[in-house]
N, C-alpha and C. Protein backbone atom coordinates (compact mmCIF):
# COMPACT_ATOMS: atom_id res chain seq x y z
N MET A 1 16.67 18.47 18.99
CA MET A 1 15.54 18.95 19.76
C MET A 1 15.10 17.91 20.80
N LEU A 2 15.33 16.64 20.49
CA LEU A 2 14.95 15.59 21.44
C LEU A 2 15.64 15.80 22.79
N LYS A 3 16.85 16.29 22.77
CA LYS A 3 17.58 16.56 24.02
C LYS A 3 16.84 17.59 24.86
N ALA A 4 16.28 18.62 24.22
CA ALA A 4 15.53 19.65 24.94
C ALA A 4 14.27 19.05 25.55
N ILE A 5 13.63 18.15 24.84
CA ILE A 5 12.40 17.53 25.33
C ILE A 5 12.69 16.56 26.46
N GLU A 6 13.86 15.98 26.49
CA GLU A 6 14.22 15.06 27.57
C GLU A 6 14.14 15.73 28.94
N THR A 7 14.28 17.05 29.00
CA THR A 7 14.20 17.73 30.29
C THR A 7 12.80 17.63 30.89
N TYR A 8 11.79 17.35 30.08
CA TYR A 8 10.42 17.19 30.58
C TYR A 8 10.19 15.80 31.16
N PHE A 9 11.16 14.93 30.99
CA PHE A 9 11.06 13.55 31.47
C PHE A 9 12.06 13.34 32.60
N TRP A 10 11.80 14.00 33.72
CA TRP A 10 12.66 13.91 34.88
C TRP A 10 12.61 12.53 35.53
N ASP A 11 11.62 11.73 35.15
CA ASP A 11 11.41 10.43 35.79
C ASP A 11 12.01 9.26 35.01
N ILE A 12 12.70 9.54 33.92
CA ILE A 12 13.34 8.46 33.17
C ILE A 12 14.82 8.78 32.97
N LYS A 13 15.59 7.76 32.71
CA LYS A 13 17.03 7.90 32.50
C LYS A 13 17.30 8.66 31.20
N LYS A 14 18.22 9.60 31.26
CA LYS A 14 18.61 10.37 30.08
C LYS A 14 19.10 9.45 28.97
N GLY A 15 18.72 9.76 27.75
CA GLY A 15 19.15 8.99 26.60
C GLY A 15 18.29 7.78 26.29
N THR A 16 17.24 7.55 27.08
CA THR A 16 16.40 6.38 26.84
C THR A 16 15.05 6.74 26.22
N LEU A 17 14.81 8.00 25.96
CA LEU A 17 13.55 8.44 25.39
C LEU A 17 13.47 8.01 23.93
N ASP A 18 12.41 7.31 23.58
CA ASP A 18 12.22 6.79 22.22
C ASP A 18 11.04 7.52 21.58
N PRO A 19 11.31 8.36 20.56
CA PRO A 19 10.24 9.15 19.95
C PRO A 19 9.11 8.33 19.32
N LYS A 20 9.39 7.12 18.92
CA LYS A 20 8.33 6.28 18.33
C LYS A 20 7.54 5.56 19.41
N GLU A 21 8.23 4.95 20.36
CA GLU A 21 7.58 4.17 21.40
C GLU A 21 6.84 5.06 22.41
N GLN A 22 7.34 6.25 22.65
CA GLN A 22 6.77 7.13 23.67
C GLN A 22 6.13 8.38 23.06
N LYS A 23 5.60 8.22 21.87
CA LYS A 23 5.03 9.34 21.12
C LYS A 23 3.97 10.09 21.93
N LYS A 24 3.01 9.38 22.47
CA LYS A 24 1.92 10.03 23.20
C LYS A 24 2.44 10.80 24.41
N GLU A 25 3.33 10.19 25.17
CA GLU A 25 3.88 10.85 26.35
C GLU A 25 4.70 12.08 25.97
N ILE A 26 5.45 11.98 24.88
CA ILE A 26 6.24 13.12 24.41
C ILE A 26 5.32 14.27 24.03
N ILE A 27 4.28 13.98 23.30
CA ILE A 27 3.34 15.03 22.89
C ILE A 27 2.69 15.67 24.11
N ILE A 28 2.20 14.87 25.03
CA ILE A 28 1.51 15.40 26.21
C ILE A 28 2.44 16.27 27.06
N ARG A 29 3.61 15.77 27.36
CA ARG A 29 4.52 16.56 28.20
C ARG A 29 5.03 17.80 27.49
N THR A 30 5.23 17.70 26.19
CA THR A 30 5.68 18.88 25.45
C THR A 30 4.59 19.94 25.45
N LEU A 31 3.34 19.53 25.28
CA LEU A 31 2.25 20.50 25.33
C LEU A 31 2.13 21.13 26.71
N ASN A 32 2.33 20.36 27.75
CA ASN A 32 2.20 20.88 29.11
C ASN A 32 3.39 21.73 29.56
N TYR A 33 4.59 21.38 29.13
CA TYR A 33 5.79 22.03 29.68
C TYR A 33 6.66 22.72 28.63
N GLY A 34 6.37 22.52 27.37
CA GLY A 34 7.25 23.01 26.31
C GLY A 34 7.06 24.47 25.97
N ASN A 35 7.88 24.90 25.03
CA ASN A 35 7.79 26.26 24.50
C ASN A 35 7.45 26.16 23.01
N LEU A 36 7.38 27.29 22.34
CA LEU A 36 6.98 27.26 20.93
C LEU A 36 7.95 26.47 20.05
N ALA A 37 9.23 26.49 20.39
CA ALA A 37 10.20 25.73 19.60
C ALA A 37 9.96 24.23 19.73
N THR A 38 9.67 23.76 20.92
CA THR A 38 9.42 22.33 21.10
C THR A 38 8.05 21.94 20.54
N TRP A 39 7.09 22.86 20.60
CA TRP A 39 5.79 22.60 19.97
C TRP A 39 5.97 22.46 18.46
N ALA A 40 6.79 23.32 17.86
CA ALA A 40 7.04 23.23 16.42
C ALA A 40 7.73 21.91 16.08
N TRP A 41 8.62 21.46 16.95
CA TRP A 41 9.31 20.19 16.71
C TRP A 41 8.33 19.02 16.72
N ILE A 42 7.41 18.96 17.69
CA ILE A 42 6.47 17.84 17.70
C ILE A 42 5.52 17.91 16.51
N ALA A 43 5.22 19.12 16.04
CA ALA A 43 4.37 19.25 14.84
C ALA A 43 5.08 18.66 13.63
N LYS A 44 6.37 18.93 13.52
CA LYS A 44 7.16 18.40 12.41
C LYS A 44 7.36 16.89 12.55
N GLU A 45 7.60 16.45 13.77
CA GLU A 45 7.90 15.04 14.03
C GLU A 45 6.67 14.14 13.88
N TYR A 46 5.53 14.60 14.39
CA TYR A 46 4.36 13.73 14.45
C TYR A 46 3.19 14.18 13.57
N GLY A 47 3.17 15.42 13.16
CA GLY A 47 2.08 15.93 12.35
C GLY A 47 0.94 16.49 13.19
N LYS A 48 0.31 17.51 12.66
CA LYS A 48 -0.76 18.18 13.40
C LYS A 48 -1.94 17.26 13.66
N GLY A 49 -2.28 16.41 12.72
CA GLY A 49 -3.40 15.50 12.89
C GLY A 49 -3.22 14.57 14.07
N GLU A 50 -2.04 14.02 14.22
CA GLU A 50 -1.73 13.13 15.34
C GLU A 50 -1.81 13.87 16.67
N ILE A 51 -1.30 15.07 16.68
CA ILE A 51 -1.33 15.88 17.91
C ILE A 51 -2.77 16.23 18.28
N LEU A 52 -3.56 16.66 17.31
CA LEU A 52 -4.96 17.00 17.59
C LEU A 52 -5.75 15.79 18.07
N ALA A 53 -5.45 14.62 17.54
CA ALA A 53 -6.13 13.40 17.99
C ALA A 53 -5.85 13.15 19.47
N ILE A 54 -4.61 13.36 19.89
CA ILE A 54 -4.26 13.18 21.30
C ILE A 54 -4.89 14.27 22.16
N ILE A 55 -4.87 15.51 21.68
CA ILE A 55 -5.47 16.61 22.41
C ILE A 55 -6.96 16.36 22.66
N ASN A 56 -7.63 15.84 21.66
CA ASN A 56 -9.07 15.66 21.75
C ASN A 56 -9.50 14.32 22.33
N SER A 57 -8.54 13.48 22.71
CA SER A 57 -8.90 12.21 23.34
C SER A 57 -9.24 12.47 24.81
N PRO A 58 -10.16 11.68 25.36
CA PRO A 58 -10.54 11.91 26.77
C PRO A 58 -9.43 11.52 27.73
N ARG A 59 -9.38 12.20 28.83
CA ARG A 59 -8.46 11.90 29.93
C ARG A 59 -7.01 11.76 29.46
N ASN A 60 -6.55 12.77 28.76
CA ASN A 60 -5.22 12.69 28.17
C ASN A 60 -4.12 13.29 29.04
N GLY A 61 -4.47 13.97 30.11
CA GLY A 61 -3.46 14.55 30.99
C GLY A 61 -2.93 15.89 30.56
N ILE A 62 -3.53 16.48 29.55
CA ILE A 62 -3.10 17.80 29.09
C ILE A 62 -3.85 18.85 29.89
N ARG A 63 -3.11 19.80 30.42
CA ARG A 63 -3.73 20.88 31.19
C ARG A 63 -4.67 21.69 30.29
N ILE A 64 -5.75 22.19 30.85
CA ILE A 64 -6.77 22.89 30.08
C ILE A 64 -6.19 24.10 29.34
N GLU A 65 -5.28 24.83 29.99
CA GLU A 65 -4.67 26.00 29.34
C GLU A 65 -3.85 25.57 28.13
N SER A 66 -3.11 24.49 28.29
CA SER A 66 -2.29 23.97 27.19
C SER A 66 -3.17 23.46 26.06
N LYS A 67 -4.25 22.80 26.42
CA LYS A 67 -5.17 22.25 25.43
C LYS A 67 -5.81 23.36 24.61
N GLN A 68 -6.23 24.43 25.26
CA GLN A 68 -6.86 25.54 24.55
C GLN A 68 -5.89 26.19 23.57
N LEU A 69 -4.68 26.45 24.01
CA LEU A 69 -3.68 27.06 23.12
C LEU A 69 -3.28 26.10 22.01
N ALA A 70 -3.12 24.83 22.33
CA ALA A 70 -2.73 23.84 21.32
C ALA A 70 -3.79 23.69 20.24
N ASN A 71 -5.06 23.76 20.61
CA ASN A 71 -6.12 23.68 19.61
C ASN A 71 -6.02 24.83 18.61
N ILE A 72 -5.59 25.99 19.06
CA ILE A 72 -5.40 27.13 18.16
C ILE A 72 -4.11 26.93 17.33
N PHE A 73 -3.03 26.56 18.00
CA PHE A 73 -1.72 26.43 17.36
C PHE A 73 -1.69 25.34 16.29
N PHE A 74 -2.33 24.22 16.56
CA PHE A 74 -2.25 23.08 15.64
C PHE A 74 -3.44 22.96 14.70
N HIS A 75 -4.40 23.84 14.80
CA HIS A 75 -5.55 23.78 13.91
C HIS A 75 -5.14 24.22 12.52
N ASP A 76 -5.67 23.54 11.53
CA ASP A 76 -5.34 23.89 10.12
C ASP A 76 -6.03 25.13 9.68
């Protein structure tokens, strides 16, 4: 699934995306550009609590439409 998410990182070299080091960026871009399959992957990879913490942090770069849907999707 990481390969699918790499398409959201047009500004970095392919194969250099690090899920641990770039966790916040992966979550934000996946929420903004991803589909339900990639959303499910970040939920499994990082956990709903981590995702909700990023969603609810100020100035996170998540589009309002994505944030509203993500709050429903990742809420327990």
